[in-house]
C-alpha atoms as a PDB file:
ATOM      1  CA  MET A   1      -4.088  -0.047  -2.871  1.00  0.00           C
ATOM      2  CA  GLU A   2      -2.054  -2.527  -1.854  1.00  0.00           C
ATOM      3  CA  ASP A   3      -3.275  -5.612   0.371  1.00  0.00           C
ATOM      4  CA  TYR A   4       0.254  -6.572   1.243  1.00  0.00           C
ATOM      5  CA  PRO A   5       1.417  -4.856   4.002  1.00  0.00           C
ATOM      6  CA  GLU A   6       5.370  -5.522   3.495  1.00  0.00           C
ATOM      7  CA  THR A   7       4.413  -4.004  -0.106  1.00  0.00           C
ATOM      8  CA  ARG A   8       2.644  -1.327   0.776  1.00  0.00           C
ATOM      9  CA  ALA A   9       6.193  -0.353   3.352  1.00  0.00           C
ATOM     10  CA  ILE A  10       8.463  -0.791   0.837  1.00  0.00           C
ATOM     11  CA  PHE A  11       6.534   1.604  -1.099  1.00  0.00           C
ATOM     12  CA  ARG A  12       6.017   3.748   1.762  1.00  0.00           C
ATOM     13  CA  LEU A  13       9.311   3.805   2.238  1.00  0.00           C
ATOM     14  CA  VAL A  14      10.800   4.249  -1.131  1.00  0.00           C
ATOM     15  CA  LEU A  15       8.643   7.226  -1.471  1.00  0.00           C
ATOM     16  CA  GLU A  16       8.945   9.143   1.874  1.00  0.00           C
ATOM     17  CA  SER A  17      12.754   8.983   1.119  1.00  0.00           C
ATOM     18  CA  ALA A  18      12.103  10.681  -2.324  1.00  0.00           C
ATOM     19  CA  GLY A  19       9.872  13.851  -0.243  1.00  0.00           C
ATOM     20  CA  PHE A  20       6.309  11.925  -0.989  1.00  0.00           C
ATOM     21  CA  GLU A  21       3.886  12.723   1.289  1.00  0.00           C
ATOM     22  CA  VAL A  22       2.404   8.854   1.362  1.00  0.00           C
ATOM     23  CA  LEU A  23      -1.141   7.678   2.156  1.00  0.00           C
ATOM     24  CA  GLU A  24      -2.039   4.276   2.484  1.00  0.00           C
ATOM     25  CA  ALA A  25      -4.973   1.691   1.585  1.00  0.00           C
ATOM     26  CA  SER A  26      -5.047  -1.683   2.201  1.00  0.00           C
ATOM     27  CA  ASN A  27      -7.592  -2.602  -0.274  1.00  0.00           C
ATOM     28  CA  ALA A  28      -9.507  -1.136  -3.061  1.00  0.00           C
ATOM     29  CA  GLU A  29     -13.132   0.159  -1.066  1.00  0.00           C
ATOM     30  CA  ASP A  30     -10.941   1.339   1.297  1.00  0.00           C
ATOM     31  CA  GLY A  31      -8.951   3.316  -1.752  1.00  0.00           C
ATOM     32  CA  LEU A  32     -12.045   4.658  -3.136  1.00  0.00           C
ATOM     33  CA  GLN A  33     -13.083   6.614   0.063  1.00  0.00           C
ATOM     34  CA  ARG A  34      -9.539   8.396   0.824  1.00  0.00           C
ATOM     35  CA  ALA A  35      -9.721   8.595  -2.687  1.00  0.00           C
ATOM     36  CA  THR A  36     -12.708  10.764  -2.475  1.00  0.00           C
ATOM     37  CA  GLY A  37     -12.322  12.161   0.680  1.00  0.00           C
ATOM     38  CA  GLU A  38      -8.635  12.858   0.148  1.00  0.00           C
ATOM     39  CA  HIS A  39      -7.937  13.667  -2.969  1.00  0.00           C
ATOM     40  CA  PRO A  40      -4.570  12.732  -3.275  1.00  0.00           C
ATOM     41  CA  ASP A  41      -2.061  14.201  -6.510  1.00  0.00           C
ATOM     42  CA  VAL A  42      -1.339  10.435  -7.726  1.00  0.00           C
ATOM     43  CA  ILE A  43      -2.826   7.362  -7.120  1.00  0.00           C
ATOM     44  CA  LEU A  44      -0.880   3.568  -6.805  1.00  0.00           C
ATOM     45  CA  THR A  45      -2.654   1.130  -7.472  1.00  0.00           C
ATOM     46  CA  ASP A  46      -2.040  -2.696  -6.976  1.00  0.00           C
ATOM     47  CA  LEU A  47      -3.691  -4.530 -10.727  1.00  0.00           C
ATOM     48  CA  VAL A  48      -5.018  -7.466  -8.553  1.00  0.00           C
ATOM     49  CA  MET A  49      -6.613  -7.721  -4.796  1.00  0.00           C
ATOM     50  CA  PRO A  50      -8.909  -9.823  -3.053  1.00  0.00           C
ATOM     51  CA  GLY A  51     -12.652  -7.979  -3.548  1.00  0.00           C
ATOM     52  CA  MET A  52     -12.836  -4.912  -6.232  1.00  0.00           C
ATOM     53  CA  SER A  53      -9.853  -5.085  -8.794  1.00  0.00           C
ATOM     54  CA  GLY A  54      -7.444  -1.946  -8.898  1.00  0.00           C
ATOM     55  CA  VAL A  55      -8.834  -1.288 -12.912  1.00  0.00           C
ATOM     56  CA  ASP A  56     -12.040  -2.287 -11.651  1.00  0.00           C
ATOM     57  CA  ALA A  57     -11.405   0.763  -8.540  1.00  0.00           C
ATOM     58  CA  ALA A  58      -9.558   3.484 -11.686  1.00  0.00           C
ATOM     59  CA  ARG A  59     -13.011   3.060 -13.609  1.00  0.00           C
ATOM     60  CA  ILE A  60     -15.209   4.058 -11.045  1.00  0.00           C
ATOM     61  CA  LEU A  61     -12.181   6.720  -9.493  1.00  0.00           C
ATOM     62  CA  ARG A  62     -12.499   8.151 -13.309  1.00  0.00           C
ATOM     63  CA  ARG A  63     -15.686   8.198 -14.104  1.00  0.00           C
ATOM     64  CA  ARG A  64     -16.131  11.066 -10.858  1.00  0.00           C
ATOM     65  CA  PRO A  65     -15.998  14.483 -11.674  1.00  0.00           C
ATOM     66  CA  ASP A  66     -13.572  14.233  -8.247  1.00  0.00           C
ATOM     67  CA  THR A  67     -11.061  11.969  -9.302  1.00  0.00           C
ATOM     68  CA  GLY A  68     -11.514  11.448 -12.995  1.00  0.00           C
ATOM     69  CA  THR A  69      -7.910  13.663 -13.782  1.00  0.00           C
ATOM     70  CA  ILE A  70      -5.843  12.492 -10.684  1.00  0.00           C
ATOM     71  CA  PRO A  71      -2.934  10.243 -11.918  1.00  0.00           C
ATOM     72  CA  ILE A  72      -3.290   6.671 -11.838  1.00  0.00           C
ATOM     73  CA  VAL A  73      -0.189   4.268 -11.659  1.00  0.00           C
ATOM     74  CA  ALA A  74      -0.885   0.386 -11.220  1.00  0.00           C
ATOM     75  CA  ALA A  75       1.640  -2.162 -10.339  1.00  0.00           C
ATOM     76  CA  THR A  76       1.218  -5.642 -10.722  1.00  0.00           C
ATOM     77  CA  GLY A  77       3.034  -8.765 -10.219  1.00  0.00           C
ATOM     78  CA  SER A  78       0.695 -11.490 -11.645  1.00  0.00           C
ATOM     79  CA  VAL A  79       0.741 -10.487 -14.963  1.00  0.00           C
ATOM     80  CA  SER A  80       2.902  -9.233 -17.582  1.00  0.00           C
ATOM     81  CA  ALA A  81       2.504  -4.756 -18.302  1.00  0.00           C
ATOM     82  CA  ARG A  82       3.026  -5.755 -21.831  1.00  0.00           C
ATOM     83  CA  SER A  83       0.772  -7.983 -22.310  1.00  0.00           C
ATOM     84  CA  LEU A  84      -2.574  -6.380 -20.464  1.00  0.00           C
ATOM     85  CA  SER A  85      -5.058  -5.082 -23.157  1.00  0.00           C
ATOM     86  CA  HIS A  86      -5.416  -1.572 -24.780  1.00  0.00           C
ATOM     87  CA  GLU A  87      -9.286  -1.436 -22.726  1.00  0.00           C
ATOM     88  CA  THR A  88      -7.271  -2.084 -19.373  1.00  0.00           C
ATOM     89  CA  ARG A  89      -3.790  -0.163 -19.610  1.00  0.00           C
ATOM     90  CA  ARG A  90      -6.333   2.957 -20.547  1.00  0.00           C
ATOM     91  CA  TRP A  91      -7.410   3.160 -17.062  1.00  0.00           C
ATOM     92  CA  PHE A  92      -3.388   4.370 -16.128  1.00  0.00           C
ATOM     93  CA  VAL A  93      -0.925   6.548 -16.811  1.00  0.00           C
ATOM     94  CA  GLU A  94       1.843   3.883 -16.170  1.00  0.00           C
ATOM     95  CA  VAL A  95       1.810   0.420 -15.728  1.00  0.00           C
ATOM     96  CA  LEU A  96       4.540  -0.733 -13.255  1.00  0.00           C
ATOM     97  CA  GLU A  97       5.961  -4.361 -13.292  1.00  0.00           C
ATOM     98  CA  LYS A  98       6.642  -5.949 -10.027  1.00  0.00           C
ATOM     99  CA  PRO A  99       9.086  -6.317  -8.134  1.00  0.00           C
ATOM    100  CA  VAL A 100       9.456  -2.086  -8.817  1.00  0.00           C
ATOM    101  CA  GLN A 101      12.534  -0.802  -8.386  1.00  0.00           C
ATOM    102  CA  PRO A 102      13.293   1.866  -6.326  1.00  0.00           C
ATOM    103  CA  GLU A 103      14.358   4.423  -8.330  1.00  0.00           C
ATOM    104  CA  GLU A 104      10.995   3.067 -11.428  1.00  0.00           C
ATOM    105  CA  LEU A 105       8.561   3.400  -8.536  1.00  0.00           C
ATOM    106  CA  VAL A 106      10.060   7.214  -7.950  1.00  0.00           C
ATOM    107  CA  ARG A 107       9.985   8.388 -11.754  1.00  0.00           C
ATOM    108  CA  ALA A 108       6.677   7.311 -12.813  1.00  0.00           C
ATOM    109  CA  VAL A 109       5.338   9.008 -10.307  1.00  0.00           C
ATOM    110  CA  ARG A 110       7.063  12.218 -10.702  1.00  0.00           C
ATOM    111  CA  GLU A 111       6.304  11.286 -14.554  1.00  0.00           C
ATOM    112  CA  ALA A 112       2.515  10.735 -13.562  1.00  0.00           C
ATOM    113  CA  LEU A 113       3.080  14.731 -11.239  1.00  0.00           C
ATOM    114  CA  ASP A 114       4.376  16.151 -14.769  1.00  0.00           C
ATOM    115  CA  ASP A 115       7.545  16.901 -12.227  1.00  0.00           C
ATOM    116  CA  GLU A 116       5.396  19.746 -10.617  1.00  0.00           C
ATOM    117  CA  SER A 117       5.833  19.271  -7.003  1.00  0.00           C
ATOM    118  CA  LEU A 118       8.014  16.785  -4.492  1.00  0.00           C
ATOM    119  CA  ASP A 119       5.489  16.718  -2.250  1.00  0.00           C
ATOM    120  CA  GLY A 120       2.188  14.738  -3.573  1.00  0.00           C
ATOM    121  CA  HIS A 121      -0.072  12.444  -1.894  1.00  0.00           C
ATOM    122  CA  ILE A 122      -0.174   8.527  -2.987  1.00  0.00           C
ATOM    123  CA  SER A 123      -2.735   6.217  -1.593  1.00  0.00           C
ATOM    124  CA  LEU A 124      -1.393   2.818  -2.324  1.00  0.00           C
ATOM    125  CA  PRO A 125      -2.533  -0.059  -3.614  1.00  0.00           C
ATOM    126  CA  GLU A 126      -3.438  -2.957  -1.575  1.00  0.00           C
ATOM    127  CA  SER A 127      -2.273  -5.857  -3.246  1.00  0.00           C
ATOM    128  CA  ALA A 128       0.863  -7.305  -4.689  1.00  0.00           C
ATOM    129  CA  GLY A 129      -1.283  -9.376  -6.978  1.00  0.00           C
END
């Protein structure tokens, strides 16, 4: 889930170049709907988006039986990943700081998948926040 089209486009290019299939959502609400309907292998979300935040979306996803085990990677440009509280960080397998280097993004997604697949499905965040 990512609200900035430019960021989504960059993430898509990087991840598809690494062999991943990418699904997009421009906000958390759309991301929740796609995750519930399409059950991606990994979810990539921005922390700060207009409307519902990536943190709120992660809480909802984690509490649902059908999406509760999907790894969620967050990306943020609004706060330092190190400054996030334990309460916030616990919803994610990793929090990346924007701008995210291509190799860092691919590594995070592969680690979230436990290196089991090069053909994961990823829902992108909607905000560069």
